[in-house]
Amino acid sequence: MVVASAPATTYLEFPASLEGKVNVDVRPQVSGYLEKIFVDEGAHVKAGQPLFKIDPKVYAEQLNGASSNQLAAQANVEKAKVEVDRLEPLVASNVVSDVQLKTAKANYEVAKAALAQAKAAVGSARINVGYTLVTAPVNGYIGRIPYKVGALVSNTDAQPLTVLSEVHEMYAYFSMSEADFITFKNNFPGKTLEEKLKNAPPVELILADNSTFSQKGKIGAVEGQFDKTTGAITFRATFPNADGILRTGNTGKVRFAREVPAAITIPQEATFEIQDKVLVYTVADSNKVASRPIRIAGKTANFYFVSDGLKAGERIVLSGTANLKDGAVITPQPVPADSVLKSKQL
């Protein structure tokens, strides 16, 4: 086959993981035994809806104790006030010394402070009783519930009661290698990366069953630096998901198109791989074959778009590469490039 170039639409695909735009860990704010679970995994809930009930007995007793202490503190305030009221006319008449009145007033202030403290304790105890009913902080879907009724739960547990996901919009996170990142920057207009993101075309989401999600998304953000371990940089695309088809934890591939005015296009069957390198066999004028690595700029179901390693007019082996070795002399049977492209529906 003689290699030819022609205008083409190439596609770049990257594995992606999906998360709801809002993911909230639902955690208890008080410790206790789980008394009731009001919802099931996967249910859609509204903000404020009850999710879990923690046994409130201990906290109800604490509230009762705090309320009793408040009543006692209130009585002490009233008693201290009576003493002040009793001494004031006696001091005015010089019946008792001013020292006694000052002491009574000080005791009155101490009693009022103790009452304020008791009221605060009642408020805190009442809040803790309220915390025994765990409600949804936002609208969303209930994730896995790892706890059963009767389990001891605490606000210090590493594992939340569940995760609540708002999925009307989904984030798809995917990573690009440094080479792909350079390709991305070179192929979309804009002086800054932010401008290039705005000018990038809508992206598609290929689902796990290889179907294409009905809604297109937009690349909205990119991390500030490459991961030193993987050598990749993470992008985030946003997809509308009004029907709730996508869920947190789904996987897929983000794909976006790139128009190439003169793309070297070859069938995938003409290539072979060695140690993660894609190669073809080129055919010299003497009909001797030689393996050559190529760089792939994009692909379709049947074709590769080559960015480096081949030029228009060169000949490559279309089939039978498994039986060839470098230096072998073959008898070519020319196949027109147009017929190959049409037969495989580029």
C-alpha atoms as a PDB file:
ATOM      1  CA  MET A   1       0.000   0.000   0.000  1.00  0.00           C
ATOM      2  CA  VAL A   2       1.289   3.466  -0.930  1.00  0.00           C
ATOM      3  CA  VAL A   3       0.882   5.866   1.979  1.00  0.00           C
ATOM      4  CA  ALA A   4      -1.219   8.941   1.198  1.00  0.00           C
ATOM      5  CA  SER A   5      -2.270  12.030   3.114  1.00  0.00           C
ATOM      6  CA  ALA A   6      -5.734  13.543   3.194  1.00  0.00           C
ATOM      7  CA  PRO A   7      -7.853  15.794   5.422  1.00  0.00           C
ATOM      8  CA  ALA A   8      -9.162  13.841   8.384  1.00  0.00           C
ATOM      9  CA  THR A   9     -10.759  14.158  11.769  1.00  0.00           C
ATOM     10  CA  THR A  10      -8.637  12.481  14.397  1.00  0.00           C
ATOM     11  CA  TYR A  11      -9.760  11.580  17.881  1.00  0.00           C
ATOM     12  CA  LEU A  12      -7.806  11.644  21.099  1.00  0.00           C
ATOM     13  CA  GLU A  13      -9.139   9.350  23.820  1.00  0.00           C
ATOM     14  CA  PHE A  14      -8.211   9.230  27.493  1.00  0.00           C
ATOM     15  CA  PRO A  15      -9.470   6.904  30.251  1.00  0.00           C
ATOM     16  CA  ALA A  16     -11.648   8.833  32.693  1.00  0.00           C
ATOM     17  CA  SER A  17     -13.207   8.394  36.111  1.00  0.00           C
ATOM     18  CA  LEU A  18     -16.489  10.114  36.917  1.00  0.00           C
ATOM     19  CA  GLU A  19     -17.611  11.927  40.038  1.00  0.00           C
ATOM     20  CA  GLY A  20     -20.689  13.933  40.872  1.00  0.00           C
ATOM     21  CA  LYS A  21     -20.098  17.659  40.952  1.00  0.00           C
ATOM     22  CA  VAL A  22     -20.902  17.528  44.665  1.00  0.00           C
ATOM     23  CA  ASN A  23     -19.778  14.553  46.770  1.00  0.00           C
ATOM     24  CA  VAL A  24     -20.397  14.870  50.491  1.00  0.00           C
ATOM     25  CA  ASP A  25     -19.257  12.448  53.173  1.00  0.00           C
ATOM     26  CA  VAL A  26     -22.143  11.976  55.591  1.00  0.00           C
ATOM     27  CA  ARG A  27     -20.679  11.554  59.075  1.00  0.00           C
ATOM     28  CA  PRO A  28     -22.211  11.433  62.555  1.00  0.00           C
ATOM     29  CA  GLN A  29     -21.473  14.396  64.794  1.00  0.00           C
ATOM     30  CA  VAL A  30     -22.038  12.344  67.950  1.00  0.00           C
ATOM     31  CA  SER A  31     -21.060   8.798  68.889  1.00  0.00           C
ATOM     32  CA  GLY A  32     -23.566   6.046  69.581  1.00  0.00           C
ATOM     33  CA  TYR A  33     -25.311   2.929  68.375  1.00  0.00           C
ATOM     34  CA  LEU A  34     -27.073   3.130  65.026  1.00  0.00           C
ATOM     35  CA  GLU A  35     -30.770   2.750  65.838  1.00  0.00           C
ATOM     36  CA  LYS A  36     -32.389   3.180  62.428  1.00  0.00           C
ATOM     37  CA  ILE A  37     -31.521   3.585  58.741  1.00  0.00           C
ATOM     38  CA  PHE A  38     -34.228   5.480  56.855  1.00  0.00           C
ATOM     39  CA  VAL A  39     -32.919   5.131  53.284  1.00  0.00           C
ATOM     40  CA  ASP A  40     -31.465   2.504  50.993  1.00  0.00           C
ATOM     41  CA  GLU A  41     -28.375   2.609  48.826  1.00  0.00           C
ATOM     42  CA  GLY A  42     -28.980   4.355  45.512  1.00  0.00           C
ATOM     43  CA  ALA A  43     -32.004   6.314  46.738  1.00  0.00           C
ATOM     44  CA  HIS A  44     -32.402   9.954  45.773  1.00  0.00           C
ATOM     45  CA  VAL A  45     -32.885  12.227  48.778  1.00  0.00           C
ATOM     46  CA  LYS A  46     -33.503  15.906  49.351  1.00  0.00           C
ATOM     47  CA  ALA A  47     -31.594  18.220  51.656  1.00  0.00           C
ATOM     48  CA  GLY A  48     -32.876  17.890  55.219  1.00  0.00           C
ATOM     49  CA  GLN A  49     -34.341  14.414  54.711  1.00  0.00           C
ATOM     50  CA  PRO A  50     -33.629  11.987  57.611  1.00  0.00           C
ATOM     51  CA  LEU A  51     -31.001   9.372  56.768  1.00  0.00           C
ATOM     52  CA  PHE A  52     -29.889   7.742  60.038  1.00  0.00           C
ATOM     53  CA  LYS A  53     -30.950   7.690  63.681  1.00  0.00           C
ATOM     54  CA  ILE A  54     -28.425   7.226  66.501  1.00  0.00           C
ATOM     55  CA  ASP A  55     -29.728   5.979  69.860  1.00  0.00           C
ATOM     56  CA  PRO A  56     -30.560   9.250  71.690  1.00  0.00           C
ATOM     57  CA  LYS A  57     -30.991   7.871  75.233  1.00  0.00           C
ATOM     58  CA  VAL A  58     -27.591   8.960  76.549  1.00  0.00           C
ATOM     59  CA  TYR A  59     -27.950  12.432  75.048  1.00  0.00           C
ATOM     60  CA  ALA A  60     -31.544  12.789  76.271  1.00  0.00           C
ATOM     61  CA  GLU A  61     -30.338  12.019  79.804  1.00  0.00           C
ATOM     62  CA  GLN A  62     -27.578  14.576  79.432  1.00  0.00           C
ATOM     63  CA  LEU A  63     -30.175  17.128  78.350  1.00  0.00           C
ATOM     64  CA  ASN A  64     -32.359  16.298  81.345  1.00  0.00           C
ATOM     65  CA  GLY A  65     -29.376  16.676  83.679  1.00  0.00           C
ATOM     66  CA  ALA A  66     -28.392  19.983  82.104  1.00  0.00           C
ATOM     67  CA  SER A  67     -31.982  21.240  82.376  1.00  0.00           C
ATOM     68  CA  SER A  68     -32.058  20.337  86.082  1.00  0.00           C
ATOM     69  CA  ASN A  69     -28.788  22.174  86.621  1.00  0.00           C
ATOM     70  CA  GLN A  70     -30.259  25.195  84.880  1.00  0.00           C
ATOM     71  CA  LEU A  71     -33.264  25.183  87.211  1.00  0.00           C
ATOM     72  CA  ALA A  72     -30.943  24.988  90.217  1.00  0.00           C
ATOM     73  CA  ALA A  73     -28.820  27.825  88.849  1.00  0.00           C
ATOM     74  CA  GLN A  74     -31.945  29.918  88.260  1.00  0.00           C
ATOM     75  CA  ALA A  75     -32.998  29.330  91.873  1.00  0.00           C
ATOM     76  CA  ASN A  76     -29.565  30.419  93.103  1.00  0.00           C
ATOM     77  CA  VAL A  77     -29.835  33.629  91.093  1.00  0.00           C
ATOM     78  CA  GLU A  78     -33.216  34.402  92.585  1.00  0.00           C
ATOM     79  CA  LYS A  79     -31.938  33.623  96.101  1.00  0.00           C
ATOM     80  CA  ALA A  80     -28.900  35.881  95.619  1.00  0.00           C
ATOM     81  CA  LYS A  81     -31.120  38.667  94.277  1.00  0.00           C
ATOM     82  CA  VAL A  82     -33.374  38.410  97.343  1.00  0.00           C
ATOM     83  CA  GLU A  83     -30.329  38.785  99.589  1.00  0.00           C
ATOM     84  CA  VAL A  84     -29.179  41.906  97.733  1.00  0.00           C
ATOM     85  CA  ASP A  85     -32.666  43.409  97.917  1.00  0.00           C
ATOM     86  CA  ARG A  86     -32.798  42.669 101.665  1.00  0.00           C
ATOM     87  CA  LEU A  87     -29.437  44.274 102.445  1.00  0.00           C
ATOM     88  CA  GLU A  88     -29.749  47.459 100.371  1.00  0.00           C
ATOM     89  CA  PRO A  89     -32.214  49.275 102.719  1.00  0.00           C
ATOM     90  CA  LEU A  90     -30.330  48.039 105.782  1.00  0.00           C
ATOM     91  CA  VAL A  91     -27.076  49.492 104.478  1.00  0.00           C
ATOM     92  CA  ALA A  92     -28.871  52.730 103.655  1.00  0.00           C
ATOM     93  CA  SER A  93     -30.064  52.898 107.269  1.00  0.00           C
ATOM     94  CA  ASN A  94     -26.586  51.995 108.581  1.00  0.00           C
ATOM     95  CA  VAL A  95     -27.997  48.869 110.211  1.00  0.00           C
ATOM     96  CA  VAL A  96     -25.440  46.583 108.515  1.00  0.00           C
ATOM     97  CA  SER A  97     -22.065  47.308 106.982  1.00  0.00           C
ATOM     98  CA  ASP A  98     -21.500  48.020 103.304  1.00  0.00           C
ATOM     99  CA  VAL A  99     -19.177  45.002 103.151  1.00  0.00           C
ATOM    100  CA  GLN A 100     -22.099  42.618 103.532  1.00  0.00           C
ATOM    101  CA  LEU A 101     -23.914  44.236 100.613  1.00  0.00           C
ATOM    102  CA  LYS A 102     -20.841  44.087  98.387  1.00  0.00           C
ATOM    103  CA  THR A 103     -20.450  40.401  99.230  1.00  0.00           C
ATOM    104  CA  ALA A 104     -24.118  39.764  98.424  1.00  0.00           C
ATOM    105  CA  LYS A 105     -23.812  41.567  95.073  1.00  0.00           C
ATOM    106  CA  ALA A 106     -20.698  39.550  94.222  1.00  0.00           C
ATOM    107  CA  ASN A 107     -22.561  36.344  95.045  1.00  0.00           C
ATOM    108  CA  TYR A 108     -25.402  37.528  92.819  1.00  0.00           C
ATOM    109  CA  GLU A 109     -23.015  38.053  89.877  1.00  0.00           C
ATOM    110  CA  VAL A 110     -21.479  34.610  90.449  1.00  0.00           C
ATOM    111  CA  ALA A 111     -24.966  33.075  90.450  1.00  0.00           C
ATOM    112  CA  LYS A 112     -25.855  34.830  87.171  1.00  0.00           C
ATOM    113  CA  ALA A 113     -22.629  33.568  85.566  1.00  0.00           C
ATOM    114  CA  ALA A 114     -23.419  30.038  86.738  1.00  0.00           C
ATOM    115  CA  LEU A 115     -26.903  30.361  85.224  1.00  0.00           C
ATOM    116  CA  ALA A 116     -25.449  31.469  81.880  1.00  0.00           C
ATOM    117  CA  GLN A 117     -23.116  28.493  81.965  1.00  0.00           C
ATOM    118  CA  ALA A 118     -26.014  26.164  82.769  1.00  0.00           C
ATOM    119  CA  LYS A 119     -28.053  27.579  79.868  1.00  0.00           C
ATOM    120  CA  ALA A 120     -25.105  26.990  77.524  1.00  0.00           C
ATOM    121  CA  ALA A 121     -24.868  23.403  78.739  1.00  0.00           C
ATOM    122  CA  VAL A 122     -28.578  22.914  77.996  1.00  0.00           C
ATOM    123  CA  GLY A 123     -28.089  24.345  74.512  1.00  0.00           C
ATOM    124  CA  SER A 124     -25.127  22.060  73.864  1.00  0.00           C
ATOM    125  CA  ALA A 125     -27.020  19.020  75.159  1.00  0.00           C
ATOM    126  CA  ARG A 126     -30.035  19.909  73.010  1.00  0.00           C
ATOM    127  CA  ILE A 127     -27.788  20.195  69.942  1.00  0.00           C
ATOM    128  CA  ASN A 128     -26.320  16.755  70.660  1.00  0.00           C
ATOM    129  CA  VAL A 129     -29.824  15.298  70.865  1.00  0.00           C
ATOM    130  CA  GLY A 130     -30.528  16.875  67.476  1.00  0.00           C
ATOM    131  CA  TYR A 131     -27.328  15.382  66.094  1.00  0.00           C
ATOM    132  CA  THR A 132     -28.671  11.882  66.792  1.00  0.00           C
ATOM    133  CA  LEU A 133     -30.869  12.401  63.723  1.00  0.00           C
ATOM    134  CA  VAL A 134     -28.529  12.533  60.721  1.00  0.00           C
ATOM    135  CA  THR A 135     -30.088  14.349  57.763  1.00  0.00           C
ATOM    136  CA  ALA A 136     -29.031  14.909  54.161  1.00  0.00           C
ATOM    137  CA  PRO A 137     -26.896  18.061  53.793  1.00  0.00           C
ATOM    138  CA  VAL A 138     -27.672  18.369  50.054  1.00  0.00           C
ATOM    139  CA  ASN A 139     -29.856  16.816  47.378  1.00  0.00           C
ATOM    140  CA  GLY A 140     -28.321  13.718  45.847  1.00  0.00           C
ATOM    141  CA  TYR A 141     -28.020   9.970  45.571  1.00  0.00           C
ATOM    142  CA  ILE A 142     -27.102   7.740  48.492  1.00  0.00           C
ATOM    143  CA  GLY A 143     -23.909   5.746  48.021  1.00  0.00           C
ATOM    144  CA  ARG A 144     -22.869   2.567  49.789  1.00  0.00           C
ATOM    145  CA  ILE A 145     -23.959   2.240  53.427  1.00  0.00           C
ATOM    146  CA  PRO A 146     -21.255   0.176  55.170  1.00  0.00           C
ATOM    147  CA  TYR A 147     -22.952   0.155  58.593  1.00  0.00           C
ATOM    148  CA  LYS A 148     -25.862  -1.923  59.886  1.00  0.00           C
ATOM    149  CA  VAL A 149     -28.412  -1.178  62.597  1.00  0.00           C
ATOM    150  CA  GLY A 150     -26.748  -1.735  65.964  1.00  0.00           C
ATOM    151  CA  ALA A 151     -23.275  -0.707  64.803  1.00  0.00           C
ATOM    152  CA  LEU A 152     -21.318   1.699  66.984  1.00  0.00           C
ATOM    153  CA  VAL A 153     -20.550   4.840  64.998  1.00  0.00           C
ATOM    154  CA  SER A 154     -18.454   7.862  65.853  1.00  0.00           C
ATOM    155  CA  ASN A 155     -17.453  11.203  64.403  1.00  0.00           C
ATOM    156  CA  THR A 156     -13.858   9.952  64.460  1.00  0.00           C
ATOM    157  CA  ASP A 157     -14.533   6.937  62.209  1.00  0.00           C
ATOM    158  CA  ALA A 158     -12.457   6.888  59.033  1.00  0.00           C
ATOM    159  CA  GLN A 159     -15.398   5.547  57.044  1.00  0.00           C
ATOM    160  CA  PRO A 160     -18.456   7.811  56.642  1.00  0.00           C
ATOM    161  CA  LEU A 161     -22.018   6.605  57.122  1.00  0.00           C
ATOM    162  CA  THR A 162     -22.426   7.061  53.369  1.00  0.00           C
ATOM    163  CA  VAL A 163     -21.466   9.405  50.541  1.00  0.00           C
ATOM    164  CA  LEU A 164     -24.098  11.680  49.050  1.00  0.00           C
ATOM    165  CA  SER A 165     -23.599  12.577  45.383  1.00  0.00           C
ATOM    166  CA  GLU A 166     -25.274  15.365  43.462  1.00  0.00           C
ATOM    167  CA  VAL A 167     -25.103  14.110  39.866  1.00  0.00           C
ATOM    168  CA  HIS A 168     -27.009  16.657  37.772  1.00  0.00           C
ATOM    169  CA  GLU A 169     -23.560  17.624  36.554  1.00  0.00           C
ATOM    170  CA  MET A 170     -20.672  15.175  36.404  1.00  0.00           C
ATOM    171  CA  TYR A 171     -16.930  15.678  36.475  1.00  0.00           C
ATOM    172  CA  ALA A 172     -14.831  13.398  34.281  1.00  0.00           C
ATOM    173  CA  TYR A 173     -11.191  13.322  35.375  1.00  0.00           C
ATOM    174  CA  PHE A 174      -8.594  12.166  32.860  1.00  0.00           C
ATOM    175  CA  SER A 175      -4.829  12.426  32.483  1.00  0.00           C
ATOM    176  CA  MET A 176      -2.570  13.349  29.576  1.00  0.00           C
ATOM    177  CA  SER A 177       1.057  12.481  29.093  1.00  0.00           C
ATOM    178  CA  GLU A 178       3.470  15.331  28.531  1.00  0.00           C
ATOM    179  CA  ALA A 179       3.531  14.602  24.788  1.00  0.00           C
ATOM    180  CA  ASP A 180      -0.277  14.612  24.553  1.00  0.00           C
ATOM    181  CA  PHE A 181      -0.398  17.807  26.594  1.00  0.00           C
ATOM    182  CA  ILE A 182       1.955  19.524  24.145  1.00  0.00           C
ATOM    183  CA  THR A 183      -0.190  18.279  21.253  1.00  0.00           C
ATOM    184  CA  PHE A 184      -3.271  19.655  22.985  1.00  0.00           C
ATOM    185  CA  LYS A 185      -1.695  23.083  23.490  1.00  0.00           C
ATOM    186  CA  ASN A 186      -0.428  23.230  19.912  1.00  0.00           C
ATOM    187  CA  ASN A 187      -3.765  22.406  18.309  1.00  0.00           C
ATOM    188  CA  PHE A 188      -6.145  24.852  19.940  1.00  0.00           C
ATOM    189  CA  PRO A 189      -6.045  28.659  19.659  1.00  0.00           C
ATOM    190  CA  GLY A 190      -5.225  30.931  22.554  1.00  0.00           C
ATOM    191  CA  LYS A 191      -2.220  32.556  24.170  1.00  0.00           C
ATOM    192  CA  THR A 192      -2.791  31.092  27.620  1.00  0.00           C
ATOM    193  CA  LEU A 193      -3.898  27.662  28.741  1.00  0.00           C
ATOM    194  CA  GLU A 194      -7.149  29.184  30.037  1.00  0.00           C
ATOM    195  CA  GLU A 195      -7.878  30.579  26.559  1.00  0.00           C
ATOM    196  CA  LYS A 196      -7.060  27.236  24.958  1.00  0.00           C
ATOM    197  CA  LEU A 197      -9.476  25.470  27.327  1.00  0.00           C
ATOM    198  CA  LYS A 198     -12.226  27.924  26.368  1.00  0.00           C
ATOM    199  CA  ASN A 199     -11.508  27.401  22.661  1.00  0.00           C
ATOM    200  CA  ALA A 200     -11.280  23.620  22.866  1.00  0.00           C
ATOM    201  CA  PRO A 201     -14.234  21.891  21.186  1.00  0.00           C
ATOM    202  CA  PRO A 202     -16.872  19.975  23.155  1.00  0.00           C
ATOM    203  CA  VAL A 203     -15.750  16.511  24.205  1.00  0.00           C
ATOM    204  CA  GLU A 204     -17.565  13.204  24.094  1.00  0.00           C
ATOM    205  CA  LEU A 205     -17.815  10.552  26.779  1.00  0.00           C
ATOM    206  CA  ILE A 206     -17.430   6.930  25.720  1.00  0.00           C
ATOM    207  CA  LEU A 207     -19.114   4.719  28.297  1.00  0.00           C
ATOM    208  CA  ALA A 208     -17.928   1.351  29.572  1.00  0.00           C
ATOM    209  CA  ASP A 209     -20.049  -0.495  26.976  1.00  0.00           C
ATOM    210  CA  ASN A 210     -18.415   1.596  24.198  1.00  0.00           C
ATOM    211  CA  SER A 211     -21.607   3.566  23.615  1.00  0.00           C
ATOM    212  CA  THR A 212     -21.389   7.350  23.394  1.00  0.00           C
ATOM    213  CA  PHE A 213     -23.083   9.383  26.113  1.00  0.00           C
ATOM    214  CA  SER A 214     -25.878  11.516  24.692  1.00  0.00           C
ATOM    215  CA  GLN A 215     -24.589  14.814  26.105  1.00  0.00           C
ATOM    216  CA  LYS A 216     -21.325  16.486  25.177  1.00  0.00           C
ATOM    217  CA  GLY A 217     -19.076  18.021  27.787  1.00  0.00           C
ATOM    218  CA  LYS A 218     -16.567  20.816  28.120  1.00  0.00           C
ATOM    219  CA  ILE A 219     -13.015  20.761  29.429  1.00  0.00           C
ATOM    220  CA  GLY A 220     -13.052  23.182  32.323  1.00  0.00           C
ATOM    221  CA  ALA A 221      -9.887  22.822  34.357  1.00  0.00           C
ATOM    222  CA  VAL A 222      -6.402  21.346  34.429  1.00  0.00           C
ATOM    223  CA  GLU A 223      -4.069  20.778  37.359  1.00  0.00           C
ATOM    224  CA  GLY A 224      -1.166  23.126  37.871  1.00  0.00           C
ATOM    225  CA  GLN A 225       1.625  20.570  37.540  1.00  0.00           C
ATOM    226  CA  PHE A 226       2.536  17.106  36.295  1.00  0.00           C
ATOM    227  CA  ASP A 227       2.503  14.141  38.628  1.00  0.00           C
ATOM    228  CA  LYS A 228       6.149  13.210  39.177  1.00  0.00           C
ATOM    229  CA  THR A 229       5.257   9.542  39.582  1.00  0.00           C
ATOM    230  CA  THR A 230       3.137   9.087  36.454  1.00  0.00           C
ATOM    231  CA  GLY A 231       4.474  11.926  34.303  1.00  0.00           C
ATOM    232  CA  ALA A 232       0.881  12.932  33.536  1.00  0.00           C
ATOM    233  CA  ILE A 233      -1.302  15.952  34.167  1.00  0.00           C
ATOM    234  CA  THR A 234      -4.982  15.725  35.117  1.00  0.00           C
ATOM    235  CA  PHE A 235      -7.826  17.442  33.263  1.00  0.00           C
ATOM    236  CA  ARG A 236     -11.446  17.851  34.309  1.00  0.00           C
ATOM    237  CA  ALA A 237     -14.371  17.883  31.901  1.00  0.00           C
ATOM    238  CA  THR A 238     -17.953  18.665  32.911  1.00  0.00           C
ATOM    239  CA  PHE A 239     -20.961  16.814  31.474  1.00  0.00           C
ATOM    240  CA  PRO A 240     -24.657  17.622  32.020  1.00  0.00           C
ATOM    241  CA  ASN A 241     -26.500  14.656  33.520  1.00  0.00           C
ATOM    242  CA  ALA A 242     -30.078  15.786  34.070  1.00  0.00           C
ATOM    243  CA  ASP A 243     -31.440  12.245  33.619  1.00  0.00           C
ATOM    244  CA  GLY A 244     -29.083  10.848  36.260  1.00  0.00           C
ATOM    245  CA  ILE A 245     -27.694   8.175  33.927  1.00  0.00           C
ATOM    246  CA  LEU A 246     -24.133   8.726  35.110  1.00  0.00           C
ATOM    247  CA  ARG A 247     -23.136   8.025  38.698  1.00  0.00           C
ATOM    248  CA  THR A 248     -20.095   8.630  40.844  1.00  0.00           C
ATOM    249  CA  GLY A 249     -17.635   5.790  40.292  1.00  0.00           C
ATOM    250  CA  ASN A 250     -18.481   5.233  36.626  1.00  0.00           C
ATOM    251  CA  THR A 251     -15.575   4.943  34.215  1.00  0.00           C
ATOM    252  CA  GLY A 252     -15.255   5.717  30.540  1.00  0.00           C
ATOM    253  CA  LYS A 253     -13.131   7.573  28.027  1.00  0.00           C
ATOM    254  CA  VAL A 254     -13.094  11.257  27.207  1.00  0.00           C
ATOM    255  CA  ARG A 255     -12.734  11.811  23.481  1.00  0.00           C
ATOM    256  CA  PHE A 256     -12.289  15.008  21.546  1.00  0.00           C
ATOM    257  CA  ALA A 257     -11.904  15.637  17.838  1.00  0.00           C
ATOM    258  CA  ARG A 258      -9.019  17.316  16.081  1.00  0.00           C
ATOM    259  CA  GLU A 259      -9.126  18.381  12.433  1.00  0.00           C
ATOM    260  CA  VAL A 260      -5.942  17.507  10.528  1.00  0.00           C
ATOM    261  CA  PRO A 261      -5.588  19.094   7.052  1.00  0.00           C
ATOM    262  CA  ALA A 262      -3.169  16.444   5.741  1.00  0.00           C
ATOM    263  CA  ALA A 263      -3.171  13.299   7.824  1.00  0.00           C
ATOM    264  CA  ILE A 264      -1.118  10.193   7.051  1.00  0.00           C
ATOM    265  CA  THR A 265      -3.750   7.485   7.450  1.00  0.00           C
ATOM    266  CA  ILE A 266      -2.970   3.764   7.629  1.00  0.00           C
ATOM    267  CA  PRO A 267      -5.010   0.698   8.620  1.00  0.00           C
ATOM    268  CA  GLN A 268      -4.359  -0.618  12.115  1.00  0.00           C
ATOM    269  CA  GLU A 269      -3.854  -4.096  10.643  1.00  0.00           C
ATOM    270  CA  ALA A 270      -0.694  -2.811   8.903  1.00  0.00           C
ATOM    271  CA  THR A 271       0.958  -2.189  12.290  1.00  0.00           C
ATOM    272  CA  PHE A 272       2.444  -4.314  15.034  1.00  0.00           C
ATOM    273  CA  GLU A 273       3.694  -3.546  18.528  1.00  0.00           C
ATOM    274  CA  ILE A 274       6.976  -4.225  20.296  1.00  0.00           C
ATOM    275  CA  GLN A 275       7.508  -2.977  23.858  1.00  0.00           C
ATOM    276  CA  ASP A 276       4.725  -0.377  23.642  1.00  0.00           C
ATOM    277  CA  LYS A 277       5.999   0.932  20.314  1.00  0.00           C
ATOM    278  CA  VAL A 278       3.851   0.859  17.187  1.00  0.00           C
ATOM    279  CA  LEU A 279       5.745  -0.147  14.034  1.00  0.00           C
ATOM    280  CA  VAL A 280       5.151  -0.795  10.347  1.00  0.00           C
ATOM    281  CA  TYR A 281       7.159  -2.537   7.662  1.00  0.00           C
ATOM    282  CA  THR A 282       8.243  -0.146   4.923  1.00  0.00           C
ATOM    283  CA  VAL A 283       9.044  -1.449   1.454  1.00  0.00           C
ATOM    284  CA  ALA A 284      12.106  -0.081  -0.345  1.00  0.00           C
ATOM    285  CA  ASP A 285      12.511   0.183  -4.137  1.00  0.00           C
ATOM    286  CA  SER A 286      14.355  -3.135  -3.983  1.00  0.00           C
ATOM    287  CA  ASN A 287      11.255  -4.653  -2.319  1.00  0.00           C
ATOM    288  CA  LYS A 288      13.254  -5.230   0.852  1.00  0.00           C
ATOM    289  CA  VAL A 289      11.256  -4.599   4.045  1.00  0.00           C
ATOM    290  CA  ALA A 290      12.398  -2.769   7.166  1.00  0.00           C
ATOM    291  CA  SER A 291      10.546  -2.178  10.421  1.00  0.00           C
ATOM    292  CA  ARG A 292      10.032   1.427  11.443  1.00  0.00           C
ATOM    293  CA  PRO A 293       8.453   2.951  14.580  1.00  0.00           C
ATOM    294  CA  ILE A 294       5.692   5.478  14.032  1.00  0.00           C
ATOM    295  CA  ARG A 295       3.971   7.994  16.289  1.00  0.00           C
ATOM    296  CA  ILE A 296       0.188   7.851  16.518  1.00  0.00           C
ATOM    297  CA  ALA A 297      -1.676  11.175  16.605  1.00  0.00           C
ATOM    298  CA  GLY A 298      -5.155   9.681  16.780  1.00  0.00           C
ATOM    299  CA  LYS A 299      -7.255   6.763  15.675  1.00  0.00           C
ATOM    300  CA  THR A 300     -10.648   5.501  14.616  1.00  0.00           C
ATOM    301  CA  ALA A 301     -12.018   1.986  14.940  1.00  0.00           C
ATOM    302  CA  ASN A 302      -9.880   0.747  12.022  1.00  0.00           C
ATOM    303  CA  PHE A 303      -7.245   3.389  11.298  1.00  0.00           C
ATOM    304  CA  TYR A 304      -4.286   5.162  12.821  1.00  0.00           C
ATOM    305  CA  PHE A 305      -3.367   8.761  12.037  1.00  0.00           C
ATOM    306  CA  VAL A 306       0.418   9.021  11.933  1.00  0.00           C
ATOM    307  CA  SER A 307       2.166  12.188  13.075  1.00  0.00           C
ATOM    308  CA  ASP A 308       5.742  10.991  12.646  1.00  0.00           C
ATOM    309  CA  GLY A 309       7.598   8.112  10.988  1.00  0.00           C
ATOM    310  CA  LEU A 310       5.938   7.982   7.567  1.00  0.00           C
ATOM    311  CA  LYS A 311       5.657  10.258   4.563  1.00  0.00           C
ATOM    312  CA  ALA A 312       3.174  10.364   1.728  1.00  0.00           C
ATOM    313  CA  GLY A 313       4.357   8.227  -1.183  1.00  0.00           C
ATOM    314  CA  GLU A 314       6.180   5.615   0.920  1.00  0.00           C
ATOM    315  CA  ARG A 315       5.117   1.986   0.648  1.00  0.00           C
ATOM    316  CA  ILE A 316       4.167  -0.176   3.629  1.00  0.00           C
ATOM    317  CA  VAL A 317       3.134  -3.791   4.068  1.00  0.00           C
ATOM    318  CA  LEU A 318      -0.626  -3.978   4.536  1.00  0.00           C
ATOM    319  CA  SER A 319      -1.013  -7.565   5.779  1.00  0.00           C
ATOM    320  CA  GLY A 320       1.088 -10.573   6.713  1.00  0.00           C
ATOM    321  CA  THR A 321       3.433  -8.627   8.983  1.00  0.00           C
ATOM    322  CA  ALA A 322       3.590 -11.450  11.527  1.00  0.00           C
ATOM    323  CA  ASN A 323       5.681 -13.568   9.143  1.00  0.00           C
ATOM    324  CA  LEU A 324       8.171 -10.870   8.146  1.00  0.00           C
ATOM    325  CA  LYS A 325      11.629  -9.963   9.384  1.00  0.00           C
ATOM    326  CA  ASP A 326      13.861  -6.987   8.670  1.00  0.00           C
ATOM    327  CA  GLY A 327      15.704  -7.411   5.390  1.00  0.00           C
ATOM    328  CA  ALA A 328      13.250  -9.858   3.868  1.00  0.00           C
ATOM    329  CA  VAL A 329      12.540  -9.401   0.152  1.00  0.00           C
ATOM    330  CA  ILE A 330       8.902  -9.640  -0.849  1.00  0.00           C
ATOM    331  CA  THR A 331       6.863  -9.591  -4.026  1.00  0.00           C
ATOM    332  CA  PRO A 332       4.445  -6.701  -3.467  1.00  0.00           C
ATOM    333  CA  GLN A 333       0.860  -6.813  -4.635  1.00  0.00           C
ATOM    334  CA  PRO A 334      -0.050  -3.118  -4.767  1.00  0.00           C
ATOM    335  CA  VAL A 335      -3.327  -2.078  -3.164  1.00  0.00           C
ATOM    336  CA  PRO A 336      -4.675   1.434  -3.872  1.00  0.00           C
ATOM    337  CA  ALA A 337      -4.906   3.500  -0.699  1.00  0.00           C
ATOM    338  CA  ASP A 338      -8.354   4.832  -1.651  1.00  0.00           C
ATOM    339  CA  SER A 339      -9.799   1.345  -1.861  1.00  0.00           C
ATOM    340  CA  VAL A 340      -8.387   0.466   1.562  1.00  0.00           C
ATOM    341  CA  LEU A 341      -9.864   3.591   3.140  1.00  0.00           C
ATOM    342  CA  LYS A 342     -13.268   2.994   1.564  1.00  0.00           C
ATOM    343  CA  SER A 343     -13.404  -0.721   2.371  1.00  0.00           C
ATOM    344  CA  LYS A 344     -12.768  -0.077   6.049  1.00  0.00           C
ATOM    345  CA  GLN A 345     -15.055   2.956   6.225  1.00  0.00           C
ATOM    346  CA  LEU A 346     -12.688   5.659   7.410  1.00  0.00           C
END
